[in-house]
Amino acid sequence: MYIVAIGWLWVVLMMAITETSATAGILTLVFYGLAPLALFLWLVGTPARRRHFRRVGPRENRARPEEAGRSEPEGGCSSADQAVDQQMGIVDGGDARRDQ
């Protein structure tokens, strides 16, 4: 992917050098080279970004700074109680005696 980008920039740079004025050269470089290349790299990189956010997303949800000081969530039961409830298929509303 990057070899295509480097090749495209080389071609556009050569086009910009052969322009008759500096303004035309700069506009050629920006509108034929940098802007389309940025769009191309962004579109081609979208699947990799999605995979990255899917992989990193759950890790960020585990320890949020605003919840770091609290020992239990607002429901009165801890995440361990919720995990046991999920495994057992029973929702007991935070009653630890039913989990044991």
PDB file of N, CA and C in Angstrom:
ATOM      1  N   MET A   1       0.825  -1.178   0.000  1.00  0.00           N
ATOM      2  CA  MET A   1       0.000   0.000   0.000  1.00  0.00           C
ATOM      3  C   MET A   1       0.876   1.251   0.000  1.00  0.00           C
ATOM      4  N   TYR A   2       1.911   1.257   0.811  1.00  0.00           N
ATOM      5  CA  TYR A   2       2.747   2.448   0.897  1.00  0.00           C
ATOM      6  C   TYR A   2       3.608   2.626  -0.343  1.00  0.00           C
ATOM      7  N   ILE A   3       3.947   1.549  -1.040  1.00  0.00           N
ATOM      8  CA  ILE A   3       4.729   1.681  -2.258  1.00  0.00           C
ATOM      9  C   ILE A   3       3.915   2.404  -3.333  1.00  0.00           C
ATOM     10  N   VAL A   4       2.614   2.174  -3.357  1.00  0.00           N
ATOM     11  CA  VAL A   4       1.735   2.887  -4.291  1.00  0.00           C
ATOM     12  C   VAL A   4       1.711   4.366  -3.940  1.00  0.00           C
ATOM     13  N   ALA A   5       1.633   4.682  -2.654  1.00  0.00           N
ATOM     14  CA  ALA A   5       1.614   6.074  -2.214  1.00  0.00           C
ATOM     15  C   ALA A   5       2.919   6.783  -2.566  1.00  0.00           C
ATOM     16  N   ILE A   6       4.037   6.118  -2.346  1.00  0.00           N
ATOM     17  CA  ILE A   6       5.335   6.714  -2.663  1.00  0.00           C
ATOM     18  C   ILE A   6       5.461   6.936  -4.166  1.00  0.00           C
ATOM     19  N   GLY A   7       5.040   5.962  -4.957  1.00  0.00           N
ATOM     20  CA  GLY A   7       5.082   6.109  -6.407  1.00  0.00           C
ATOM     21  C   GLY A   7       4.203   7.251  -6.891  1.00  0.00           C
ATOM     22  N   TRP A   8       3.016   7.351  -6.324  1.00  0.00           N
ATOM     23  CA  TRP A   8       2.113   8.433  -6.723  1.00  0.00           C
ATOM     24  C   TRP A   8       2.700   9.789  -6.359  1.00  0.00           C
ATOM     25  N   LEU A   9       3.270   9.906  -5.187  1.00  0.00           N
ATOM     26  CA  LEU A   9       3.882  11.180  -4.805  1.00  0.00           C
ATOM     27  C   LEU A   9       5.055  11.529  -5.720  1.00  0.00           C
ATOM     28  N   TRP A  10       5.811  10.545  -6.142  1.00  0.00           N
ATOM     29  CA  TRP A  10       6.930  10.796  -7.049  1.00  0.00           C
ATOM     30  C   TRP A  10       6.429  11.346  -8.385  1.00  0.00           C
ATOM     31  N   VAL A  11       5.394  10.742  -8.929  1.00  0.00           N
ATOM     32  CA  VAL A  11       4.838  11.193 -10.204  1.00  0.00           C
ATOM     33  C   VAL A  11       4.293  12.610 -10.068  1.00  0.00           C
ATOM     34  N   VAL A  12       3.563  12.874  -8.997  1.00  0.00           N
ATOM     35  CA  VAL A  12       2.978  14.200  -8.804  1.00  0.00           C
ATOM     36  C   VAL A  12       4.077  15.235  -8.557  1.00  0.00           C
ATOM     37  N   LEU A  13       5.119  14.871  -7.856  1.00  0.00           N
ATOM     38  CA  LEU A  13       6.228  15.793  -7.641  1.00  0.00           C
ATOM     39  C   LEU A  13       6.888  16.152  -8.970  1.00  0.00           C
ATOM     40  N   MET A  14       7.083  15.170  -9.831  1.00  0.00           N
ATOM     41  CA  MET A  14       7.653  15.443 -11.152  1.00  0.00           C
ATOM     42  C   MET A  14       6.716  16.329 -11.976  1.00  0.00           C
ATOM     43  N   MET A  15       5.400  16.127 -11.864  1.00  0.00           N
ATOM     44  CA  MET A  15       4.439  16.989 -12.553  1.00  0.00           C
ATOM     45  C   MET A  15       4.517  18.411 -12.007  1.00  0.00           C
ATOM     46  N   ALA A  16       4.648  18.537 -10.681  1.00  0.00           N
ATOM     47  CA  ALA A  16       4.682  19.864 -10.068  1.00  0.00           C
ATOM     48  C   ALA A  16       5.950  20.624 -10.455  1.00  0.00           C
ATOM     49  N   ILE A  17       7.055  19.911 -10.588  1.00  0.00           N
ATOM     50  CA  ILE A  17       8.321  20.568 -10.962  1.00  0.00           C
ATOM     51  C   ILE A  17       8.247  21.132 -12.380  1.00  0.00           C
ATOM     52  N   THR A  18       7.518  20.471 -13.258  1.00  0.00           N
ATOM     53  CA  THR A  18       7.456  20.915 -14.653  1.00  0.00           C
ATOM     54  C   THR A  18       6.410  21.993 -14.905  1.00  0.00           C
ATOM     55  N   GLU A  19       5.674  22.402 -13.898  1.00  0.00           N
ATOM     56  CA  GLU A  19       4.692  23.474 -14.080  1.00  0.00           C
ATOM     57  C   GLU A  19       5.410  24.792 -14.378  1.00  0.00           C
ATOM     58  N   THR A  20       4.690  25.704 -15.020  1.00  0.00           N
ATOM     59  CA  THR A  20       5.297  26.958 -15.464  1.00  0.00           C
ATOM     60  C   THR A  20       5.483  27.972 -14.338  1.00  0.00           C
ATOM     61  N   SER A  21       4.689  27.906 -13.291  1.00  0.00           N
ATOM     62  CA  SER A  21       4.844  28.844 -12.177  1.00  0.00           C
ATOM     63  C   SER A  21       4.865  28.077 -10.852  1.00  0.00           C
ATOM     64  N   ALA A  22       5.362  28.752  -9.827  1.00  0.00           N
ATOM     65  CA  ALA A  22       5.431  28.129  -8.505  1.00  0.00           C
ATOM     66  C   ALA A  22       4.035  27.884  -7.942  1.00  0.00           C
ATOM     67  N   THR A  23       3.122  28.808  -8.201  1.00  0.00           N
ATOM     68  CA  THR A  23       1.752  28.643  -7.718  1.00  0.00           C
ATOM     69  C   THR A  23       1.099  27.420  -8.354  1.00  0.00           C
ATOM     70  N   ALA A  24       1.285  27.259  -9.641  1.00  0.00           N
ATOM     71  CA  ALA A  24       0.720  26.100 -10.327  1.00  0.00           C
ATOM     72  C   ALA A  24       1.357  24.807  -9.811  1.00  0.00           C
ATOM     73  N   GLY A  25       2.660  24.850  -9.526  1.00  0.00           N
ATOM     74  CA  GLY A  25       3.343  23.675  -8.991  1.00  0.00           C
ATOM     75  C   GLY A  25       2.824  23.280  -7.620  1.00  0.00           C
ATOM     76  N   ILE A  26       2.618  24.268  -6.766  1.00  0.00           N
ATOM     77  CA  ILE A  26       2.107  23.995  -5.416  1.00  0.00           C
ATOM     78  C   ILE A  26       0.676  23.459  -5.486  1.00  0.00           C
ATOM     79  N   LEU A  27      -0.152  24.071  -6.340  1.00  0.00           N
ATOM     80  CA  LEU A  27      -1.533  23.602  -6.477  1.00  0.00           C
ATOM     81  C   LEU A  27      -1.579  22.195  -7.066  1.00  0.00           C
ATOM     82  N   THR A  28      -0.689  21.900  -8.000  1.00  0.00           N
ATOM     83  CA  THR A  28      -0.618  20.549  -8.555  1.00  0.00           C
ATOM     84  C   THR A  28      -0.242  19.554  -7.473  1.00  0.00           C
ATOM     85  N   LEU A  29       0.750  19.902  -6.673  1.00  0.00           N
ATOM     86  CA  LEU A  29       1.189  19.009  -5.599  1.00  0.00           C
ATOM     87  C   LEU A  29       0.076  18.760  -4.589  1.00  0.00           C
ATOM     88  N   VAL A  30      -0.650  19.806  -4.237  1.00  0.00           N
ATOM     89  CA  VAL A  30      -1.699  19.664  -3.227  1.00  0.00           C
ATOM     90  C   VAL A  30      -2.924  18.939  -3.785  1.00  0.00           C
ATOM     91  N   PHE A  31      -3.421  19.390  -4.959  1.00  0.00           N
ATOM     92  CA  PHE A  31      -4.695  18.864  -5.451  1.00  0.00           C
ATOM     93  C   PHE A  31      -4.575  17.587  -6.274  1.00  0.00           C
ATOM     94  N   TYR A  32      -3.416  17.308  -6.850  1.00  0.00           N
ATOM     95  CA  TYR A  32      -3.217  16.039  -7.546  1.00  0.00           C
ATOM     96  C   TYR A  32      -2.498  15.020  -6.685  1.00  0.00           C
ATOM     97  N   GLY A  33      -1.773  15.489  -5.671  1.00  0.00           N
ATOM     98  CA  GLY A  33      -0.957  14.581  -4.885  1.00  0.00           C
ATOM     99  C   GLY A  33      -1.431  14.362  -3.469  1.00  0.00           C
ATOM    100  N   LEU A  34      -1.347  15.400  -2.652  1.00  0.00           N
ATOM    101  CA  LEU A  34      -1.583  15.234  -1.219  1.00  0.00           C
ATOM    102  C   LEU A  34      -3.046  14.951  -0.867  1.00  0.00           C
ATOM    103  N   ALA A  35      -3.968  15.709  -1.429  1.00  0.00           N
ATOM    104  CA  ALA A  35      -5.380  15.516  -1.085  1.00  0.00           C
ATOM    105  C   ALA A  35      -5.900  14.146  -1.537  1.00  0.00           C
ATOM    106  N   PRO A  36      -5.698  13.743  -2.805  1.00  0.00           N
ATOM    107  CA  PRO A  36      -6.181  12.407  -3.194  1.00  0.00           C
ATOM    108  C   PRO A  36      -5.458  11.276  -2.456  1.00  0.00           C
ATOM    109  N   LEU A  37      -4.177  11.483  -2.177  1.00  0.00           N
ATOM    110  CA  LEU A  37      -3.426  10.449  -1.474  1.00  0.00           C
ATOM    111  C   LEU A  37      -3.917  10.294  -0.033  1.00  0.00           C
ATOM    112  N   ALA A  38      -4.217  11.400   0.616  1.00  0.00           N
ATOM    113  CA  ALA A  38      -4.752  11.321   1.978  1.00  0.00           C
ATOM    114  C   ALA A  38      -6.099  10.586   1.977  1.00  0.00           C
ATOM    115  N   LEU A  39      -6.948  10.884   1.012  1.00  0.00           N
ATOM    116  CA  LEU A  39      -8.228  10.189   0.912  1.00  0.00           C
ATOM    117  C   LEU A  39      -8.025   8.706   0.639  1.00  0.00           C
ATOM    118  N   PHE A  40      -7.125   8.374  -0.268  1.00  0.00           N
ATOM    119  CA  PHE A  40      -6.839   6.977  -0.589  1.00  0.00           C
ATOM    120  C   PHE A  40      -6.334   6.216   0.632  1.00  0.00           C
ATOM    121  N   LEU A  41      -5.360   6.788   1.339  1.00  0.00           N
ATOM    122  CA  LEU A  41      -4.805   6.099   2.514  1.00  0.00           C
ATOM    123  C   LEU A  41      -5.850   5.951   3.616  1.00  0.00           C
ATOM    124  N   TRP A  42      -6.711   6.944   3.764  1.00  0.00           N
ATOM    125  CA  TRP A  42      -7.753   6.859   4.781  1.00  0.00           C
ATOM    126  C   TRP A  42      -8.752   5.753   4.431  1.00  0.00           C
ATOM    127  N   LEU A  43      -9.170   5.683   3.155  1.00  0.00           N
ATOM    128  CA  LEU A  43     -10.131   4.662   2.746  1.00  0.00           C
ATOM    129  C   LEU A  43      -9.535   3.262   2.806  1.00  0.00           C
ATOM    130  N   VAL A  44      -8.300   3.112   2.377  1.00  0.00           N
ATOM    131  CA  VAL A  44      -7.666   1.797   2.369  1.00  0.00           C
ATOM    132  C   VAL A  44      -7.332   1.353   3.795  1.00  0.00           C
ATOM    133  N   GLY A  45      -7.068   2.295   4.686  1.00  0.00           N
ATOM    134  CA  GLY A  45      -6.729   1.948   6.062  1.00  0.00           C
ATOM    135  C   GLY A  45      -7.918   1.714   6.966  1.00  0.00           C
ATOM    136  N   THR A  46      -9.145   1.905   6.470  1.00  0.00           N
ATOM    137  CA  THR A  46     -10.342   1.751   7.298  1.00  0.00           C
ATOM    138  C   THR A  46     -10.486   0.345   7.888  1.00  0.00           C
ATOM    139  N   PRO A  47     -10.310  -0.731   7.135  1.00  0.00           N
ATOM    140  CA  PRO A  47     -10.437  -2.061   7.753  1.00  0.00           C
ATOM    141  C   PRO A  47      -9.425  -2.299   8.878  1.00  0.00           C
ATOM    142  N   ALA A  48      -8.214  -1.815   8.721  1.00  0.00           N
ATOM    143  CA  ALA A  48      -7.209  -1.990   9.772  1.00  0.00           C
ATOM    144  C   ALA A  48      -7.590  -1.195  11.018  1.00  0.00           C
ATOM    145  N   ARG A  49      -8.126   0.012  10.820  1.00  0.00           N
ATOM    146  CA  ARG A  49      -8.567   0.803  11.977  1.00  0.00           C
ATOM    147  C   ARG A  49      -9.714   0.120  12.703  1.00  0.00           C
ATOM    148  N   ARG A  50     -10.643  -0.458  11.947  1.00  0.00           N
ATOM    149  CA  ARG A  50     -11.768  -1.156  12.581  1.00  0.00           C
ATOM    150  C   ARG A  50     -11.288  -2.349  13.386  1.00  0.00           C
ATOM    151  N   ARG A  51     -10.361  -3.122  12.827  1.00  0.00           N
ATOM    152  CA  ARG A  51      -9.817  -4.261  13.573  1.00  0.00           C
ATOM    153  C   ARG A  51      -9.116  -3.790  14.833  1.00  0.00           C
ATOM    154  N   HIS A  52      -8.392  -2.695  14.736  1.00  0.00           N
ATOM    155  CA  HIS A  52      -7.674  -2.179  15.901  1.00  0.00           C
ATOM    156  C   HIS A  52      -8.649  -1.744  16.993  1.00  0.00           C
ATOM    157  N   PHE A  53      -9.705  -1.023  16.622  1.00  0.00           N
ATOM    158  CA  PHE A  53     -10.655  -0.558  17.630  1.00  0.00           C
ATOM    159  C   PHE A  53     -11.465  -1.694  18.219  1.00  0.00           C
ATOM    160  N   ARG A  54     -11.742  -2.727  17.438  1.00  0.00           N
ATOM    161  CA  ARG A  54     -12.416  -3.894  17.997  1.00  0.00           C
ATOM    162  C   ARG A  54     -11.533  -4.602  19.002  1.00  0.00           C
ATOM    163  N   ARG A  55     -10.230  -4.649  18.738  1.00  0.00           N
ATOM    164  CA  ARG A  55      -9.307  -5.337  19.623  1.00  0.00           C
ATOM    165  C   ARG A  55      -9.025  -4.511  20.877  1.00  0.00           C
ATOM    166  N   VAL A  56      -8.911  -3.209  20.750  1.00  0.00           N
ATOM    167  CA  VAL A  56      -8.560  -2.350  21.882  1.00  0.00           C
ATOM    168  C   VAL A  56      -9.790  -1.919  22.660  1.00  0.00           C
ATOM    169  N   GLY A  57     -10.937  -1.839  22.040  1.00  0.00           N
ATOM    170  CA  GLY A  57     -12.151  -1.332  22.674  1.00  0.00           C
ATOM    171  C   GLY A  57     -12.521  -1.994  23.978  1.00  0.00           C
ATOM    172  N   PRO A  58     -12.606  -3.322  24.062  1.00  0.00           N
ATOM    173  CA  PRO A  58     -12.994  -3.948  25.329  1.00  0.00           C
ATOM    174  C   PRO A  58     -11.990  -3.702  26.447  1.00  0.00           C
ATOM    175  N   ARG A  59     -10.732  -3.546  26.125  1.00  0.00           N
ATOM    176  CA  ARG A  59      -9.731  -3.270  27.164  1.00  0.00           C
ATOM    177  C   ARG A  59      -9.973  -1.919  27.807  1.00  0.00           C
ATOM    178  N   GLU A  60     -10.360  -0.936  27.022  1.00  0.00           N
ATOM    179  CA  GLU A  60     -10.601   0.394  27.571  1.00  0.00           C
ATOM    180  C   GLU A  60     -11.843   0.414  28.445  1.00  0.00           C
ATOM    181  N   ASN A  61     -12.812  -0.435  28.169  1.00  0.00           N
ATOM    182  CA  ASN A  61     -14.038  -0.463  28.955  1.00  0.00           C
ATOM    183  C   ASN A  61     -13.843  -1.137  30.305  1.00  0.00           C
ATOM    184  N   ARG A  62     -12.780  -1.902  30.478  1.00  0.00           N
ATOM    185  CA  ARG A  62     -12.579  -2.622  31.746  1.00  0.00           C
ATOM    186  C   ARG A  62     -12.275  -1.681  32.902  1.00  0.00           C
ATOM    187  N   ALA A  63     -11.361  -0.774  32.709  1.00  0.00           N
ATOM    188  CA  ALA A  63     -10.951   0.106  33.810  1.00  0.00           C
ATOM    189  C   ALA A  63     -11.092   1.550  33.372  1.00  0.00           C
ATOM    190  N   ARG A  64     -12.244   2.116  33.624  1.00  0.00           N
ATOM    191  CA  ARG A  64     -12.451   3.522  33.343  1.00  0.00           C
ATOM    192  C   ARG A  64     -12.023   4.322  34.561  1.00  0.00           C
ATOM    193  N   PRO A  65     -11.428   5.481  34.365  1.00  0.00           N
ATOM    194  CA  PRO A  65     -10.950   6.267  35.503  1.00  0.00           C
ATOM    195  C   PRO A  65     -12.059   6.700  36.454  1.00  0.00           C
ATOM    196  N   GLU A  66     -13.262   6.995  35.941  1.00  0.00           N
ATOM    197  CA  GLU A  66     -14.335   7.443  36.822  1.00  0.00           C
ATOM    198  C   GLU A  66     -14.867   6.317  37.708  1.00  0.00           C
ATOM    199  N   GLU A  67     -14.633   5.055  37.317  1.00  0.00           N
ATOM    200  CA  GLU A  67     -15.109   3.938  38.118  1.00  0.00           C
ATOM    201  C   GLU A  67     -14.008   3.315  38.975  1.00  0.00           C
ATOM    202  N   ALA A  68     -12.801   3.849  38.877  1.00  0.00           N
ATOM    203  CA  ALA A  68     -11.676   3.238  39.585  1.00  0.00           C
ATOM    204  C   ALA A  68     -11.816   3.369  41.106  1.00  0.00           C
ATOM    205  N   GLY A  69     -12.436   4.429  41.586  1.00  0.00           N
ATOM    206  CA  GLY A  69     -12.541   4.634  43.018  1.00  0.00           C
ATOM    207  C   GLY A  69     -13.667   3.866  43.670  1.00  0.00           C
ATOM    208  N   ARG A  70     -14.636   3.416  42.880  1.00  0.00           N
ATOM    209  CA  ARG A  70     -15.781   2.701  43.434  1.00  0.00           C
ATOM    210  C   ARG A  70     -15.469   1.225  43.564  1.00  0.00           C
ATOM    211  N   SER A  71     -15.937   0.634  44.650  1.00  0.00           N
ATOM    212  CA  SER A  71     -15.699  -0.794  44.841  1.00  0.00           C
ATOM    213  C   SER A  71     -16.791  -1.625  44.184  1.00  0.00           C
ATOM    214  N   GLU A  72     -18.016  -1.083  44.108  1.00  0.00           N
ATOM    215  CA  GLU A  72     -19.121  -1.809  43.492  1.00  0.00           C
ATOM    216  C   GLU A  72     -19.867  -0.881  42.552  1.00  0.00           C
ATOM    217  N   PRO A  73     -20.411  -1.410  41.472  1.00  0.00           N
ATOM    218  CA  PRO A  73     -21.236  -0.592  40.593  1.00  0.00           C
ATOM    219  C   PRO A  73     -22.531  -0.181  41.273  1.00  0.00           C
ATOM    220  N   GLU A  74     -23.326   0.614  40.584  1.00  0.00           N
ATOM    221  CA  GLU A  74     -24.519   1.199  41.192  1.00  0.00           C
ATOM    222  C   GLU A  74     -25.603   0.187  41.524  1.00  0.00           C
ATOM    223  N   GLY A  75     -25.575  -0.991  41.033  1.00  0.00           N
ATOM    224  CA  GLY A  75     -26.613  -1.975  41.315  1.00  0.00           C
ATOM    225  C   GLY A  75     -26.457  -2.644  42.671  1.00  0.00           C
ATOM    226  N   GLY A  76     -25.338  -2.459  43.349  1.00  0.00           N
ATOM    227  CA  GLY A  76     -25.116  -3.071  44.640  1.00  0.00           C
ATOM    228  C   GLY A  76     -24.390  -4.395  44.540  1.00  0.00           C
ATOM    229  N   CYS A  77     -24.158  -4.908  43.359  1.00  0.00           N
ATOM    230  CA  CYS A  77     -23.440  -6.168  43.208  1.00  0.00           C
ATOM    231  C   CYS A  77     -22.177  -5.918  42.396  1.00  0.00           C
ATOM    232  N   SER A  78     -21.159  -6.658  42.718  1.00  0.00           N
ATOM    233  CA  SER A  78     -19.873  -6.454  42.048  1.00  0.00           C
ATOM    234  C   SER A  78     -19.858  -7.172  40.710  1.00  0.00           C
ATOM    235  N   SER A  79     -18.778  -6.959  39.950  1.00  0.00           N
ATOM    236  CA  SER A  79     -18.667  -7.610  38.653  1.00  0.00           C
ATOM    237  C   SER A  79     -18.505  -9.119  38.816  1.00  0.00           C
ATOM    238  N   ALA A  80     -17.935  -9.570  39.944  1.00  0.00           N
ATOM    239  CA  ALA A  80     -17.828 -11.008  40.195  1.00  0.00           C
ATOM    240  C   ALA A  80     -19.220 -11.612  40.381  1.00  0.00           C
ATOM    241  N   ASP A  81     -20.099 -10.899  41.096  1.00  0.00           N
ATOM    242  CA  ASP A  81     -21.472 -11.370  41.265  1.00  0.00           C
ATOM    243  C   ASP A  81     -22.188 -11.438  39.920  1.00  0.00           C
ATOM    244  N   GLN A  82     -21.966 -10.446  39.084  1.00  0.00           N
ATOM    245  CA  GLN A  82     -22.599 -10.442  37.775  1.00  0.00           C
ATOM    246  C   GLN A  82     -22.077 -11.585  36.914  1.00  0.00           C
ATOM    247  N   ALA A  83     -20.788 -11.896  37.023  1.00  0.00           N
ATOM    248  CA  ALA A  83     -20.219 -13.007  36.253  1.00  0.00           C
ATOM    249  C   ALA A  83     -20.818 -14.335  36.697  1.00  0.00           C
ATOM    250  N   VAL A  84     -20.994 -14.499  38.004  1.00  0.00           N
ATOM    251  CA  VAL A  84     -21.605 -15.732  38.508  1.00  0.00           C
ATOM    252  C   VAL A  84     -23.049 -15.821  38.043  1.00  0.00           C
ATOM    253  N   ASP A  85     -23.764 -14.705  38.079  1.00  0.00           N
ATOM    254  CA  ASP A  85     -25.147 -14.689  37.616  1.00  0.00           C
ATOM    255  C   ASP A  85     -25.229 -15.062  36.144  1.00  0.00           C
ATOM    256  N   GLN A  86     -24.298 -14.577  35.348  1.00  0.00           N
ATOM    257  CA  GLN A  86     -24.309 -14.917  33.935  1.00  0.00           C
ATOM    258  C   GLN A  86     -24.069 -16.408  33.732  1.00  0.00           C
ATOM    259  N   GLN A  87     -23.112 -16.961  34.451  1.00  0.00           N
ATOM    260  CA  GLN A  87     -22.798 -18.376  34.295  1.00  0.00           C
ATOM    261  C   GLN A  87     -23.952 -19.257  34.794  1.00  0.00           C
ATOM    262  N   MET A  88     -24.571 -18.865  35.865  1.00  0.00           N
ATOM    263  CA  MET A  88     -25.641 -19.668  36.443  1.00  0.00           C
ATOM    264  C   MET A  88     -26.984 -19.420  35.770  1.00  0.00           C
ATOM    265  N   GLY A  89     -27.097 -18.277  35.087  1.00  0.00           N
ATOM    266  CA  GLY A  89     -28.372 -17.966  34.446  1.00  0.00           C
ATOM    267  C   GLY A  89     -29.398 -17.442  35.427  1.00  0.00           C
ATOM    268  N   ILE A  90     -28.971 -16.984  36.575  1.00  0.00           N
ATOM    269  CA  ILE A  90     -29.877 -16.499  37.611  1.00  0.00           C
ATOM    270  C   ILE A  90     -29.537 -15.045  37.895  1.00  0.00           C
ATOM    271  N   VAL A  91     -30.541 -14.210  37.939  1.00  0.00           N
ATOM    272  CA  VAL A  91     -30.341 -12.819  38.330  1.00  0.00           C
ATOM    273  C   VAL A  91     -30.953 -12.664  39.706  1.00  0.00           C
ATOM    274  N   ASP A  92     -30.111 -12.355  40.694  1.00  0.00           N
ATOM    275  CA  ASP A  92     -30.618 -12.302  42.054  1.00  0.00           C
ATOM    276  C   ASP A  92     -30.589 -10.889  42.629  1.00  0.00           C
ATOM    277  N   GLY A  93     -30.217  -9.886  41.823  1.00  0.00           N
ATOM    278  CA  GLY A  93     -30.256  -8.527  42.303  1.00  0.00           C
ATOM    279  C   GLY A  93     -29.238  -8.217  43.378  1.00  0.00           C
ATOM    280  N   GLY A  94     -28.121  -8.875  43.406  1.00  0.00           N
ATOM    281  CA  GLY A  94     -27.054  -8.562  44.349  1.00  0.00           C
ATOM    282  C   GLY A  94     -27.095  -9.368  45.632  1.00  0.00           C
ATOM    283  N   ASP A  95     -27.947 -10.359  45.740  1.00  0.00           N
ATOM    284  CA  ASP A  95     -28.008 -11.193  46.943  1.00  0.00           C
ATOM    285  C   ASP A  95     -26.919 -12.244  46.864  1.00  0.00           C
ATOM    286  N   ALA A  96     -25.843 -12.076  47.615  1.00  0.00           N
ATOM    287  CA  ALA A  96     -24.682 -12.958  47.519  1.00  0.00           C
ATOM    288  C   ALA A  96     -24.987 -14.342  48.079  1.00  0.00           C
ATOM    289  N   ARG A  97     -25.955 -14.458  48.982  1.00  0.00           N
ATOM    290  CA  ARG A  97     -26.257 -15.772  49.565  1.00  0.00           C
ATOM    291  C   ARG A  97     -26.810 -16.749  48.521  1.00  0.00           C
ATOM    292  N   ARG A  98     -27.521 -16.239  47.536  1.00  0.00           N
ATOM    293  CA  ARG A  98     -28.078 -17.123  46.505  1.00  0.00           C
ATOM    294  C   ARG A  98     -26.993 -17.635  45.575  1.00  0.00           C
ATOM    295  N   ASP A  99     -25.860 -16.916  45.444  1.00  0.00           N
ATOM    296  CA  ASP A  99     -24.775 -17.334  44.573  1.00  0.00           C
ATOM    297  C   ASP A  99     -23.958 -18.464  45.182  1.00  0.00           C
ATOM    298  N   GLN A 100     -24.011 -18.622  46.492  1.00  0.00           N
ATOM    299  CA  GLN A 100     -23.120 -19.599  47.129  1.00  0.00           C
ATOM    300  C   GLN A 100     -23.697 -20.965  47.145  1.00  0.00           C
TER     301      GLN A 100
END
